[in-house]
N, C-alpha and C. Protein backbone atom coordinates (compact mmCIF):
# COMPACT_ATOMS: atom_id res chain seq x y z
N MET A 1 116.97 74.74 115.98
CA MET A 1 117.13 74.06 117.26
C MET A 1 116.42 72.70 117.20
N HIS A 2 117.14 71.66 117.66
CA HIS A 2 116.59 70.31 117.70
C HIS A 2 115.51 70.23 118.77
N SER A 3 114.61 69.26 118.62
CA SER A 3 113.54 69.11 119.60
C SER A 3 114.07 68.78 120.99
N ASN A 4 115.30 68.26 121.07
CA ASN A 4 115.89 67.95 122.37
C ASN A 4 116.68 69.12 122.96
N GLY A 5 116.67 70.29 122.27
CA GLY A 5 117.34 71.47 122.77
C GLY A 5 118.71 71.73 122.18
N SER A 6 119.26 70.79 121.42
CA SER A 6 120.56 70.99 120.81
C SER A 6 120.40 71.75 119.49
N TYR A 7 121.55 72.18 118.93
CA TYR A 7 121.53 72.96 117.69
C TYR A 7 122.16 72.19 116.55
N ILE A 8 121.67 72.45 115.35
CA ILE A 8 122.22 71.84 114.13
C ILE A 8 122.59 72.96 113.18
N LEU A 9 123.82 72.90 112.63
CA LEU A 9 124.25 73.91 111.68
C LEU A 9 123.50 73.74 110.36
N ALA A 10 123.07 74.85 109.78
CA ALA A 10 122.33 74.81 108.52
C ALA A 10 122.73 76.01 107.68
N ARG A 11 122.56 75.90 106.38
CA ARG A 11 122.87 77.00 105.46
C ARG A 11 121.58 77.64 105.00
N ALA A 12 121.52 78.98 105.13
CA ALA A 12 120.30 79.71 104.79
C ALA A 12 120.54 80.66 103.63
N LEU A 13 119.49 80.88 102.86
CA LEU A 13 119.49 81.87 101.79
C LEU A 13 118.53 82.98 102.17
N LEU A 14 119.01 84.23 102.14
CA LEU A 14 118.14 85.37 102.43
C LEU A 14 117.46 85.80 101.14
N ASP A 15 116.14 85.81 101.13
CA ASP A 15 115.38 86.12 99.91
C ASP A 15 114.28 87.12 100.25
N CYS A 16 114.53 88.40 99.93
CA CYS A 16 113.55 89.44 100.24
C CYS A 16 112.33 89.38 99.33
N ALA A 17 112.38 88.55 98.28
CA ALA A 17 111.23 88.42 97.37
C ALA A 17 110.31 87.27 97.77
N SER A 18 110.72 86.50 98.76
CA SER A 18 109.91 85.37 99.19
C SER A 18 108.91 85.82 100.24
N GLU A 19 107.64 85.45 100.07
CA GLU A 19 106.60 85.83 101.01
C GLU A 19 106.55 84.93 102.24
N ALA A 20 107.31 83.86 102.22
CA ALA A 20 107.28 82.92 103.35
C ALA A 20 108.68 82.40 103.61
N ASN A 21 108.86 81.77 104.77
CA ASN A 21 110.11 81.09 105.10
C ASN A 21 109.95 79.61 104.77
N PHE A 22 111.04 79.01 104.27
CA PHE A 22 110.98 77.61 103.87
C PHE A 22 112.11 76.83 104.51
N VAL A 23 111.85 75.58 104.79
CA VAL A 23 112.85 74.67 105.33
C VAL A 23 112.74 73.36 104.56
N THR A 24 113.87 72.74 104.26
CA THR A 24 113.85 71.50 103.50
C THR A 24 113.32 70.35 104.35
N GLU A 25 112.81 69.34 103.66
CA GLU A 25 112.32 68.15 104.35
C GLU A 25 113.43 67.48 105.14
N SER A 26 114.64 67.43 104.55
CA SER A 26 115.75 66.76 105.22
C SER A 26 116.13 67.47 106.52
N LEU A 27 116.14 68.82 106.51
CA LEU A 27 116.48 69.53 107.74
C LEU A 27 115.39 69.36 108.79
N ALA A 28 114.15 69.37 108.36
CA ALA A 28 113.05 69.15 109.31
C ALA A 28 113.17 67.79 109.98
N GLN A 29 113.58 66.78 109.21
CA GLN A 29 113.75 65.45 109.78
C GLN A 29 114.95 65.41 110.73
N ARG A 30 116.03 66.10 110.36
CA ARG A 30 117.20 66.15 111.24
C ARG A 30 116.89 66.85 112.56
N LEU A 31 115.99 67.84 112.50
CA LEU A 31 115.60 68.56 113.71
C LEU A 31 114.53 67.83 114.50
N CYS A 32 113.95 66.77 113.89
CA CYS A 32 112.84 66.04 114.51
C CYS A 32 111.70 67.00 114.87
N SER A 33 111.47 67.98 114.00
CA SER A 33 110.43 68.97 114.26
C SER A 33 109.06 68.38 113.96
N LYS A 34 108.07 68.82 114.71
CA LYS A 34 106.71 68.34 114.51
C LYS A 34 106.11 69.00 113.28
N ARG A 35 105.61 68.20 112.36
CA ARG A 35 105.02 68.72 111.13
C ARG A 35 103.52 68.46 111.11
N THR A 36 102.80 69.40 110.54
CA THR A 36 101.35 69.27 110.38
C THR A 36 101.01 69.33 108.89
N PRO A 37 99.95 68.64 108.48
CA PRO A 37 99.59 68.64 107.06
C PRO A 37 99.28 70.04 106.54
N ALA A 38 99.64 70.28 105.29
CA ALA A 38 99.35 71.55 104.62
C ALA A 38 99.11 71.27 103.15
N ASN A 39 98.43 72.19 102.51
CA ASN A 39 98.17 72.06 101.07
C ASN A 39 98.31 73.46 100.46
N ILE A 40 99.54 73.86 100.19
CA ILE A 40 99.84 75.22 99.76
C ILE A 40 100.57 75.19 98.43
N ASP A 41 100.10 75.99 97.48
CA ASP A 41 100.78 76.15 96.19
C ASP A 41 101.79 77.27 96.30
N VAL A 42 103.03 76.99 95.93
CA VAL A 42 104.10 77.98 95.96
C VAL A 42 104.50 78.28 94.53
N TYR A 43 104.34 79.55 94.12
CA TYR A 43 104.65 79.96 92.76
C TYR A 43 106.06 80.52 92.70
N GLY A 44 106.81 80.07 91.69
CA GLY A 44 108.18 80.53 91.53
C GLY A 44 108.39 81.19 90.18
N ILE A 45 109.61 81.12 89.69
CA ILE A 45 109.97 81.74 88.41
C ILE A 45 109.16 81.10 87.28
N SER A 46 108.72 81.94 86.34
CA SER A 46 107.93 81.50 85.18
C SER A 46 106.63 80.83 85.60
N GLN A 47 106.10 81.24 86.76
CA GLN A 47 104.83 80.72 87.28
C GLN A 47 104.86 79.22 87.52
N SER A 48 106.07 78.66 87.75
CA SER A 48 106.17 77.26 88.13
C SER A 48 105.55 77.07 89.50
N VAL A 49 104.91 75.93 89.72
CA VAL A 49 104.17 75.70 90.95
C VAL A 49 104.69 74.45 91.64
N LYS A 50 104.96 74.59 92.93
CA LYS A 50 105.34 73.45 93.76
C LYS A 50 104.32 73.33 94.90
N LYS A 51 104.02 72.09 95.25
CA LYS A 51 103.05 71.85 96.30
C LYS A 51 103.76 71.61 97.63
N VAL A 52 103.40 72.41 98.66
CA VAL A 52 103.92 72.22 100.00
C VAL A 52 102.92 71.36 100.78
N LYS A 53 103.39 70.22 101.28
CA LYS A 53 102.49 69.27 101.92
C LYS A 53 102.52 69.33 103.44
N HIS A 54 103.56 69.98 104.02
CA HIS A 54 103.65 70.06 105.47
C HIS A 54 104.15 71.44 105.88
N LYS A 55 103.84 71.81 107.11
CA LYS A 55 104.37 73.03 107.70
C LYS A 55 104.88 72.72 109.09
N THR A 56 105.82 73.53 109.57
CA THR A 56 106.43 73.28 110.86
C THR A 56 106.94 74.57 111.46
N ASN A 57 107.24 74.57 112.73
CA ASN A 57 107.84 75.71 113.42
C ASN A 57 109.22 75.32 113.92
N ILE A 58 110.23 76.11 113.56
CA ILE A 58 111.58 75.86 114.04
C ILE A 58 112.17 77.17 114.56
N THR A 59 113.20 77.05 115.36
CA THR A 59 113.89 78.21 115.91
C THR A 59 115.24 78.35 115.21
N VAL A 60 115.49 79.53 114.65
CA VAL A 60 116.76 79.81 113.97
C VAL A 60 117.54 80.80 114.82
N SER A 61 118.76 80.46 115.20
CA SER A 61 119.58 81.30 116.05
C SER A 61 120.93 81.57 115.39
N SER A 62 121.52 82.70 115.73
CA SER A 62 122.84 83.06 115.22
C SER A 62 123.93 82.41 116.07
N ARG A 63 124.99 81.93 115.42
CA ARG A 63 126.14 81.40 116.14
C ARG A 63 126.98 82.52 116.72
N LEU A 64 126.80 83.76 116.20
CA LEU A 64 127.68 84.87 116.55
C LEU A 64 127.07 85.84 117.54
N GLY A 65 125.80 85.71 117.86
CA GLY A 65 125.16 86.67 118.75
C GLY A 65 123.95 86.06 119.42
N SER A 66 123.07 86.93 119.90
CA SER A 66 121.90 86.47 120.66
C SER A 66 120.64 86.43 119.81
N TYR A 67 120.77 86.70 118.50
CA TYR A 67 119.58 86.73 117.64
C TYR A 67 118.93 85.35 117.57
N THR A 68 117.62 85.33 117.71
CA THR A 68 116.87 84.09 117.58
C THR A 68 115.67 84.33 116.68
N THR A 69 115.55 83.77 115.66
CA THR A 69 114.32 83.84 114.86
C THR A 69 114.12 82.57 114.23
N SER A 70 122.05 78.43 112.25
CA SER A 70 123.05 79.36 111.72
C SER A 70 123.75 78.68 110.57
N PRO A 71 123.55 79.63 109.65
CA PRO A 71 124.08 79.05 108.44
C PRO A 71 125.59 78.78 108.52
N TYR A 72 126.07 77.97 107.58
CA TYR A 72 127.51 77.77 107.46
C TYR A 72 128.18 79.09 107.08
N PRO A 73 129.34 79.39 107.66
CA PRO A 73 130.01 80.66 107.31
C PRO A 73 130.76 80.61 105.99
N LYS A 74 131.01 79.42 105.46
CA LYS A 74 131.81 79.28 104.24
C LYS A 74 130.90 79.37 103.01
N PHE A 75 130.52 80.63 102.66
CA PHE A 75 129.56 80.83 101.57
C PHE A 75 130.18 80.54 100.21
N ASN A 76 131.50 80.51 100.11
CA ASN A 76 132.16 80.30 98.82
C ASN A 76 132.25 78.82 98.45
N ILE A 77 131.87 77.95 99.35
CA ILE A 77 131.91 76.51 99.09
C ILE A 77 130.49 76.03 98.78
N ALA A 78 130.34 75.38 97.63
CA ALA A 78 129.02 74.92 97.20
C ALA A 78 128.44 73.94 98.21
N HIS A 79 127.18 74.15 98.53
CA HIS A 79 126.51 73.28 99.48
C HIS A 79 125.02 73.46 99.32
N ASP A 80 124.27 72.45 99.73
CA ASP A 80 122.81 72.54 99.65
C ASP A 80 122.28 73.64 100.56
N ILE A 81 121.16 74.27 100.13
CA ILE A 81 120.48 75.27 100.93
C ILE A 81 119.46 74.57 101.82
N ASP A 82 119.52 74.83 103.12
CA ASP A 82 118.61 74.19 104.06
C ASP A 82 117.40 75.06 104.39
N LEU A 83 117.58 76.40 104.30
CA LEU A 83 116.53 77.33 104.69
C LEU A 83 116.42 78.45 103.68
N ILE A 84 115.22 78.96 103.50
CA ILE A 84 115.01 80.23 102.80
C ILE A 84 114.32 81.17 103.78
N ILE A 85 114.99 82.27 104.10
CA ILE A 85 114.43 83.25 105.01
C ILE A 85 113.83 84.37 104.18
N GLY A 86 112.52 84.53 104.25
CA GLY A 86 111.81 85.47 103.39
C GLY A 86 111.66 86.85 103.99
N ILE A 87 110.76 87.63 103.38
CA ILE A 87 110.61 89.05 103.70
C ILE A 87 110.16 89.28 105.14
N LYS A 88 109.49 88.31 105.74
CA LYS A 88 108.98 88.49 107.10
C LYS A 88 110.10 88.77 108.08
N ASN A 89 111.26 88.11 107.90
CA ASN A 89 112.39 88.27 108.82
C ASN A 89 113.59 88.94 108.18
N PHE A 90 113.50 89.22 106.88
CA PHE A 90 114.66 89.69 106.11
C PHE A 90 115.28 90.94 106.71
N PHE A 91 114.48 91.99 106.92
CA PHE A 91 115.04 93.27 107.33
C PHE A 91 115.44 93.29 108.81
N SER A 92 114.88 92.41 109.63
CA SER A 92 115.31 92.34 111.03
C SER A 92 116.68 91.66 111.15
N ILE A 93 117.08 90.96 110.10
CA ILE A 93 118.38 90.28 110.10
C ILE A 93 119.51 91.23 109.70
N LEU A 94 119.21 92.17 108.81
CA LEU A 94 120.24 93.06 108.28
C LEU A 94 120.73 94.05 109.33
N GLU A 95 122.03 94.40 109.24
CA GLU A 95 122.62 95.45 110.05
C GLU A 95 123.17 96.53 109.12
N ASN A 96 123.70 97.61 109.66
CA ASN A 96 124.04 98.78 108.85
C ASN A 96 125.34 98.64 108.05
N GLU A 97 126.28 97.88 108.54
CA GLU A 97 127.60 97.85 107.91
C GLU A 97 127.59 97.11 106.57
N GLN A 98 128.30 97.68 105.60
CA GLN A 98 128.42 97.09 104.26
C GLN A 98 129.82 97.31 103.72
N LEU A 99 130.42 96.27 103.14
CA LEU A 99 131.77 96.35 102.59
C LEU A 99 131.71 96.15 101.08
N THR A 100 132.32 97.06 100.33
CA THR A 100 132.37 96.96 98.88
C THR A 100 133.69 96.35 98.46
N LEU A 101 133.65 95.30 97.66
CA LEU A 101 134.85 94.59 97.23
C LEU A 101 135.47 95.19 95.99
N GLY A 102 134.73 95.99 95.22
CA GLY A 102 135.27 96.59 94.01
C GLY A 102 134.25 96.58 92.89
N SER A 103 134.61 97.25 91.80
CA SER A 103 133.70 97.35 90.66
C SER A 103 133.41 95.99 90.06
N GLY A 104 132.12 95.72 89.85
CA GLY A 104 131.72 94.44 89.25
C GLY A 104 131.76 93.27 90.22
N LEU A 105 132.08 93.52 91.48
CA LEU A 105 132.15 92.45 92.47
C LEU A 105 131.00 92.58 93.46
N PRO A 106 130.66 91.51 94.12
CA PRO A 106 129.56 91.58 95.10
C PRO A 106 129.98 92.38 96.32
N VAL A 107 129.01 92.68 97.18
CA VAL A 107 129.27 93.39 98.42
C VAL A 107 129.05 92.44 99.59
N LEU A 108 129.68 92.79 100.71
CA LEU A 108 129.48 92.02 101.93
C LEU A 108 128.59 92.84 102.86
N ARG A 109 127.46 92.28 103.24
CA ARG A 109 126.51 92.98 104.09
C ARG A 109 126.46 92.29 105.45
N LYS A 110 126.65 93.10 106.51
CA LYS A 110 126.66 92.54 107.84
C LYS A 110 125.24 92.21 108.28
N THR A 111 125.07 91.04 108.86
CA THR A 111 123.78 90.60 109.39
C THR A 111 124.01 90.03 110.78
N VAL A 112 122.92 89.65 111.42
CA VAL A 112 123.04 89.03 112.75
C VAL A 112 123.74 87.68 112.66
N PHE A 113 123.83 87.12 111.46
CA PHE A 113 124.52 85.85 111.27
C PHE A 113 125.98 86.03 110.88
N GLY A 114 126.44 87.28 110.78
CA GLY A 114 127.76 87.56 110.24
C GLY A 114 127.60 88.22 108.88
N TYR A 115 128.64 88.20 108.08
CA TYR A 115 128.58 88.83 106.76
C TYR A 115 127.99 87.86 105.73
N VAL A 116 127.14 88.40 104.87
CA VAL A 116 126.59 87.63 103.75
C VAL A 116 126.98 88.32 102.45
N VAL A 117 127.00 87.57 101.38
CA VAL A 117 127.36 88.09 100.06
C VAL A 117 126.10 88.51 99.33
N ALA A 118 126.11 89.70 98.75
CA ALA A 118 124.97 90.18 97.99
C ALA A 118 125.45 90.79 96.68
N GLY A 119 124.63 90.71 95.66
CA GLY A 119 124.99 91.27 94.36
C GLY A 119 124.38 90.48 93.24
N GLU A 120 124.55 90.97 92.03
CA GLU A 120 123.98 90.29 90.87
C GLU A 120 124.80 89.07 90.50
N ALA A 121 124.14 88.10 89.87
CA ALA A 121 124.83 86.90 89.43
C ALA A 121 125.73 87.23 88.26
N MET A 122 126.92 86.67 88.24
CA MET A 122 127.88 86.93 87.18
C MET A 122 127.59 86.03 85.99
N GLU A 123 127.35 86.62 84.83
CA GLU A 123 127.09 85.87 83.61
C GLU A 123 127.97 86.40 82.49
N LYS A 124 128.39 85.51 81.59
CA LYS A 124 129.24 85.91 80.47
C LYS A 124 128.49 86.81 79.52
N SER A 125 127.25 86.49 79.24
CA SER A 125 126.44 87.31 78.35
C SER A 125 124.99 87.15 78.70
N ALA A 126 124.21 88.16 78.41
CA ALA A 126 122.78 88.10 78.71
C ALA A 126 122.02 88.74 77.56
N SER A 127 121.18 87.94 76.90
CA SER A 127 120.39 88.45 75.78
C SER A 127 119.01 88.89 76.23
N THR A 128 118.62 88.47 77.45
CA THR A 128 117.31 88.85 77.97
C THR A 128 117.45 89.30 79.42
N VAL A 129 116.54 90.15 79.83
CA VAL A 129 116.50 90.64 81.20
C VAL A 129 115.11 90.39 81.74
N VAL A 130 115.01 89.85 82.94
CA VAL A 130 113.73 89.53 83.56
C VAL A 130 113.44 90.54 84.66
N CYS A 131 112.22 91.09 84.64
CA CYS A 131 111.77 91.98 85.70
C CYS A 131 110.41 91.48 86.15
N ASN A 132 110.29 91.10 87.40
CA ASN A 132 109.04 90.52 87.91
C ASN A 132 108.05 91.61 88.29
N VAL A 133 107.61 92.38 87.30
CA VAL A 133 106.63 93.43 87.51
C VAL A 133 105.47 93.21 86.56
N SER A 134 104.26 93.29 87.05
CA SER A 134 103.07 93.15 86.22
C SER A 134 102.35 94.49 86.18
N SER A 135 101.98 94.94 84.98
CA SER A 135 101.30 96.22 84.86
C SER A 135 100.08 96.09 83.96
N ILE A 136 99.10 96.93 84.22
CA ILE A 136 97.89 96.99 83.41
C ILE A 136 97.75 98.41 82.90
N ASP A 137 97.93 98.60 81.58
CA ASP A 137 97.91 99.95 81.02
C ASP A 137 96.57 100.63 81.19
N ASN A 138 95.49 99.87 81.06
CA ASN A 138 94.16 100.47 81.13
C ASN A 138 93.49 100.21 82.48
N LEU A 139 94.31 100.16 83.55
CA LEU A 139 93.77 99.89 84.87
C LEU A 139 92.73 100.93 85.28
N GLU A 140 93.00 102.22 84.95
CA GLU A 140 92.08 103.28 85.34
C GLU A 140 90.71 103.09 84.71
N SER A 141 90.69 102.72 83.42
CA SER A 141 89.40 102.53 82.76
C SER A 141 88.68 101.30 83.29
N ILE A 142 89.43 100.26 83.67
CA ILE A 142 88.81 99.05 84.22
C ILE A 142 88.15 99.37 85.56
N VAL A 143 88.86 100.13 86.42
CA VAL A 143 88.30 100.50 87.71
C VAL A 143 87.07 101.38 87.54
N ARG A 144 87.12 102.30 86.54
CA ARG A 144 85.98 103.19 86.30
C ARG A 144 84.76 102.38 85.89
N LYS A 145 84.95 101.39 85.00
CA LYS A 145 83.83 100.56 84.56
C LYS A 145 83.25 99.77 85.73
N PHE A 146 84.15 99.31 86.61
CA PHE A 146 83.67 98.55 87.77
C PHE A 146 82.74 99.39 88.63
N TRP A 147 83.16 100.63 88.91
CA TRP A 147 82.32 101.49 89.75
C TRP A 147 81.05 101.90 89.03
N GLU A 148 81.09 102.02 87.71
CA GLU A 148 79.88 102.35 86.97
C GLU A 148 78.85 101.23 87.08
N VAL A 149 79.34 99.99 87.05
CA VAL A 149 78.43 98.85 87.17
C VAL A 149 77.87 98.74 88.58
N GLU A 150 78.73 98.99 89.59
CA GLU A 150 78.33 98.81 90.97
C GLU A 150 77.52 99.97 91.53
N SER A 151 77.60 101.14 90.89
CA SER A 151 76.94 102.31 91.44
C SER A 151 75.48 102.40 90.97
N PHE A 152 74.65 103.07 91.76
CA PHE A 152 73.25 103.29 91.42
C PHE A 152 73.05 104.78 91.16
N GLU A 153 72.60 105.09 89.97
CA GLU A 153 72.44 106.49 89.60
C GLU A 153 71.10 107.02 90.11
N LYS A 154 71.17 107.95 91.07
CA LYS A 154 69.94 108.56 91.59
C LYS A 154 69.37 109.52 90.55
N GLY A 155 68.05 109.49 90.41
CA GLY A 155 67.40 110.41 89.50
C GLY A 155 67.49 110.00 88.04
N LYS A 156 67.88 108.76 87.77
CA LYS A 156 67.96 108.31 86.40
C LYS A 156 66.57 108.26 85.78
N VAL A 157 66.44 108.75 84.57
CA VAL A 157 65.15 108.75 83.87
C VAL A 157 64.93 107.37 83.26
N LEU A 158 63.83 106.72 83.67
CA LEU A 158 63.52 105.39 83.17
C LEU A 158 62.73 105.48 81.88
N SER A 159 62.95 104.49 81.01
CA SER A 159 62.17 104.41 79.78
C SER A 159 60.78 103.90 80.12
N LEU A 160 59.86 103.97 79.12
CA LEU A 160 58.49 103.49 79.35
C LEU A 160 58.47 102.00 79.68
N GLU A 161 59.29 101.22 79.00
CA GLU A 161 59.33 99.79 79.27
C GLU A 161 59.87 99.51 80.67
N GLU A 162 60.90 100.26 81.09
CA GLU A 162 61.45 100.08 82.44
C GLU A 162 60.42 100.45 83.50
N LEU A 163 59.66 101.53 83.26
CA LEU A 163 58.60 101.92 84.19
C LEU A 163 57.52 100.85 84.28
N TYR A 164 57.16 100.29 83.11
CA TYR A 164 56.14 99.25 83.08
C TYR A 164 56.59 98.03 83.90
N CYS A 165 57.84 97.61 83.70
CA CYS A 165 58.34 96.43 84.42
C CYS A 165 58.41 96.69 85.92
N GLU A 166 58.82 97.87 86.31
CA GLU A 166 58.91 98.20 87.73
C GLU A 166 57.52 98.21 88.37
N ASN A 167 56.53 98.83 87.68
CA ASN A 167 55.18 98.88 88.21
C ASN A 167 54.53 97.49 88.23
N HIS A 168 54.82 96.71 87.19
CA HIS A 168 54.27 95.36 87.11
C HIS A 168 54.76 94.52 88.29
N PHE A 169 56.04 94.61 88.59
CA PHE A 169 56.58 93.85 89.72
C PHE A 169 55.96 94.33 91.03
N ARG A 170 55.86 95.63 91.22
CA ARG A 170 55.33 96.18 92.47
C ARG A 170 53.88 95.76 92.69
N GLU A 171 53.09 95.66 91.62
CA GLU A 171 51.66 95.40 91.75
C GLU A 171 51.31 93.91 91.77
N THR A 172 52.17 93.05 91.24
CA THR A 172 51.79 91.64 91.09
C THR A 172 52.64 90.68 91.91
N HIS A 173 53.74 91.11 92.50
CA HIS A 173 54.60 90.15 93.20
C HIS A 173 54.00 89.81 94.57
N GLN A 174 54.30 88.59 95.02
CA GLN A 174 53.88 88.13 96.34
C GLN A 174 54.88 87.11 96.86
N ARG A 175 54.85 86.89 98.17
CA ARG A 175 55.76 85.95 98.82
C ARG A 175 55.09 84.61 98.97
N ALA A 176 55.66 83.57 98.39
CA ALA A 176 55.10 82.22 98.48
C ALA A 176 55.38 81.64 99.86
N PRO A 177 54.61 80.60 100.26
CA PRO A 177 54.82 79.97 101.58
C PRO A 177 56.24 79.45 101.78
N ASP A 178 56.92 79.04 100.69
CA ASP A 178 58.28 78.51 100.83
C ASP A 178 59.34 79.61 100.85
N GLY A 179 58.89 80.88 100.85
CA GLY A 179 59.83 81.99 100.95
C GLY A 179 60.23 82.61 99.63
N ARG A 180 59.88 81.97 98.52
CA ARG A 180 60.25 82.52 97.22
C ARG A 180 59.30 83.65 96.83
N TYR A 181 59.82 84.55 95.98
CA TYR A 181 58.97 85.62 95.43
C TYR A 181 58.36 85.14 94.12
N VAL A 182 57.06 85.41 93.93
CA VAL A 182 56.34 85.03 92.72
C VAL A 182 55.78 86.29 92.09
N VAL A 183 55.95 86.42 90.78
CA VAL A 183 55.43 87.57 90.05
C VAL A 183 54.74 87.09 88.78
N ARG A 184 53.66 87.74 88.41
CA ARG A 184 52.93 87.36 87.20
C ARG A 184 53.79 87.61 85.98
N LEU A 185 53.58 86.77 84.98
CA LEU A 185 54.33 86.92 83.74
C LEU A 185 53.87 88.18 83.03
N PRO A 186 54.77 89.10 82.73
CA PRO A 186 54.37 90.33 82.05
C PRO A 186 53.95 90.05 80.61
N ILE A 187 52.90 90.73 80.17
CA ILE A 187 52.39 90.54 78.82
C ILE A 187 52.28 91.88 78.13
N ARG A 188 52.79 91.94 76.93
CA ARG A 188 52.64 93.15 76.11
C ARG A 188 51.34 93.00 75.31
N GLU A 189 50.37 93.83 75.64
CA GLU A 189 49.03 93.72 75.04
C GLU A 189 49.08 93.77 73.52
N GLU A 190 49.96 94.60 72.97
CA GLU A 190 50.00 94.75 71.51
C GLU A 190 50.54 93.52 70.81
N MET A 191 51.10 92.57 71.60
CA MET A 191 51.65 91.37 70.99
C MET A 191 50.72 90.17 71.12
N LEU A 192 49.54 90.35 71.76
CA LEU A 192 48.65 89.21 71.98
C LEU A 192 48.14 88.61 70.68
N ASP A 193 47.85 89.47 69.70
CA ASP A 193 47.32 88.97 68.42
C ASP A 193 48.33 88.09 67.70
N SER A 194 49.63 88.28 67.99
CA SER A 194 50.67 87.49 67.32
C SER A 194 50.73 86.06 67.85
N LEU A 195 50.07 85.81 68.99
CA LEU A 195 50.13 84.47 69.56
C LEU A 195 49.23 83.48 68.82
N GLY A 196 48.24 83.98 68.11
CA GLY A 196 47.35 83.10 67.34
C GLY A 196 46.57 82.17 68.24
N GLU A 197 46.49 80.88 67.87
CA GLU A 197 45.75 79.88 68.63
C GLU A 197 46.67 79.07 69.55
N SER A 198 47.69 79.70 70.07
CA SER A 198 48.66 78.97 70.87
C SER A 198 48.07 78.45 72.18
N PHE A 199 47.01 79.10 72.69
CA PHE A 199 46.43 78.65 73.95
C PHE A 199 45.83 77.26 73.81
N LYS A 200 45.09 77.05 72.73
CA LYS A 200 44.49 75.74 72.50
C LYS A 200 45.55 74.68 72.25
N ILE A 201 46.61 75.07 71.57
CA ILE A 201 47.71 74.12 71.32
C ILE A 201 48.37 73.75 72.64
N ALA A 202 48.56 74.72 73.52
CA ALA A 202 49.18 74.47 74.83
C ALA A 202 48.33 73.53 75.68
N GLU A 203 46.99 73.66 75.57
CA GLU A 203 46.11 72.81 76.36
C GLU A 203 46.22 71.35 75.94
N GLN A 204 46.57 71.10 74.69
CA GLN A 204 46.64 69.73 74.19
C GLN A 204 47.96 69.04 74.55
N ILE A 205 48.93 69.82 75.09
CA ILE A 205 50.21 69.22 75.46
C ILE A 205 50.02 68.40 76.75
N PRO A 206 50.46 67.14 76.77
CA PRO A 206 50.31 66.30 77.98
C PRO A 206 50.95 66.98 79.18
N GLY A 207 50.25 66.92 80.32
CA GLY A 207 50.78 67.49 81.56
C GLY A 207 50.23 68.86 81.81
N ASN A 208 49.55 69.50 80.86
CA ASN A 208 48.97 70.83 81.05
C ASN A 208 47.50 70.72 81.43
């Protein structure tokens, strides 16, 4: 629907795999619709990315009924696509009636816009088949590792070093005036002899 209340004929593509509805820049300009800035990445086939710079609200109505959410009826004539109607409105558009044209031919599915053509694309030969499904064979093990990392084991037996570190923190930590926690540097007594004369060397370093 135009901003002045009139209607403009447009051709729409029904796409149940699309997460959003799309309208071309040219149709938005013809409708004089108000656009607002947007910065959205739209991923397509083979992970191709297109940047959407504007978004808008338009009213789509059927020429044949009272549905409001109309494409050209001549689907067999090549023409630019003005709209993509995605999954949000896809199933509310469909009606129950379906006509089969024959083996290997598309079907006609009744919608609020009239009949639309549905079916696989006709190709002379196909050496590859694309299925947009992503799977992770070891998903169960990945989830298990995640919960193992995030979980706290009650009653876990700590090693002597772990006990020492826990007690050292509990006995020496304090809260500084700026809000930070301060803890004394832990020292392993049996390693003191390995330090040699490092204290005197440290005193000679400028700034100490």
